[in-house]
């Protein structure tokens, strides 16, 4: 009797697990499709200003090279 009850409980748990997995996959598939379509209709995100980034990188490189020269002296 106990073995039969444990088998029934195990089968019910497996069925519930498979049902929740399939429900999650169904929801994710439909939600992802609608969100991708909304993004396609909107404007793309703006690119960062390249001029500011290159100026900051150049000044950082100059500062580090000056620090290296003063350390070597």
Protein backbone atom coordinates (compact mmCIF):
# COMPACT_ATOMS: atom_id res chain seq x y z
CA UNK A 1 0.00 0.00 0.00
CA UNK A 2 2.78 2.45 0.92
CA UNK A 3 4.72 1.65 -2.24
CA UNK A 4 1.65 2.19 -4.41
CA UNK A 5 0.96 5.53 -2.71
CA UNK A 6 4.58 6.69 -3.20
CA UNK A 7 4.45 5.73 -6.90
CA UNK A 8 1.20 7.69 -7.35
CA UNK A 9 2.67 10.74 -5.60
CA UNK A 10 5.82 10.49 -7.74
CA UNK A 11 3.80 10.31 -10.96
CA UNK A 12 1.69 13.31 -9.89
CA UNK A 13 4.86 15.30 -9.12
CA UNK A 14 6.33 14.43 -12.52
CA UNK A 15 3.12 15.48 -14.31
CA UNK A 16 2.96 18.76 -12.37
CA UNK A 17 6.64 19.45 -13.12
CA UNK A 18 6.24 18.80 -16.83
CA UNK A 19 3.10 20.97 -16.90
CA UNK A 20 4.85 23.88 -15.21
CA UNK A 21 7.87 23.58 -17.52
CA UNK A 22 5.70 23.57 -20.63
CA UNK A 23 3.67 26.51 -19.29
CA UNK A 24 6.84 28.48 -18.63
CA UNK A 25 8.17 27.76 -22.11
CA UNK A 26 4.85 28.78 -23.69
CA UNK A 27 4.76 32.04 -21.71
CA UNK A 28 8.42 32.85 -22.45
CA UNK A 29 7.98 32.20 -26.15
CA UNK A 30 4.95 34.47 -26.44
CA UNK A 31 6.37 37.20 -24.21
CA UNK A 32 9.70 37.27 -26.05
CA UNK A 33 8.00 37.58 -29.44
CA UNK A 34 5.82 40.50 -28.38
CA UNK A 35 8.70 42.32 -26.69
CA UNK A 36 10.93 41.91 -29.76
CA UNK A 37 8.21 43.35 -31.99
CA UNK A 38 7.84 46.36 -29.70
CA UNK A 39 11.58 46.98 -29.86
CA UNK A 40 11.60 46.70 -33.66
CA UNK A 41 8.93 49.38 -33.98
CA UNK A 42 10.69 51.84 -31.65
CA UNK A 43 13.83 53.84 -32.27
CA UNK A 44 17.18 52.17 -31.66
CA UNK A 45 19.24 53.30 -28.69
CA UNK A 46 21.63 56.15 -29.34
CA UNK A 47 25.33 55.55 -29.67
CA UNK A 48 27.67 57.22 -27.18
CA UNK A 49 29.50 60.28 -28.39
CA UNK A 50 32.74 58.97 -29.88
CA UNK A 51 34.55 62.32 -29.69
CA UNK A 52 34.32 62.57 -25.92
CA UNK A 53 35.41 58.96 -25.41
CA UNK A 54 38.49 59.32 -27.61
CA UNK A 55 39.52 62.57 -25.89
CA UNK A 56 39.19 60.94 -22.47
CA UNK A 57 41.23 57.94 -23.58
CA UNK A 58 43.98 60.16 -25.02
CA UNK A 59 44.25 62.24 -21.86
CA UNK A 60 44.35 59.10 -19.69
CA UNK A 61 47.12 57.66 -21.85
CA UNK A 62 49.12 60.88 -21.63
CA UNK A 63 48.74 61.01 -17.86
CA UNK A 64 49.86 57.41 -17.46
CA UNK A 65 52.86 57.90 -19.76
CA UNK A 66 53.90 60.98 -17.79
CA UNK A 67 53.61 59.03 -14.55
CA UNK A 68 55.77 56.26 -15.99
CA UNK A 69 58.45 58.76 -17.09
CA UNK A 70 58.55 60.40 -13.67
CA UNK A 71 58.78 56.99 -11.98
CA UNK A 72 61.72 56.02 -14.18
CA UNK A 73 63.63 59.22 -13.38
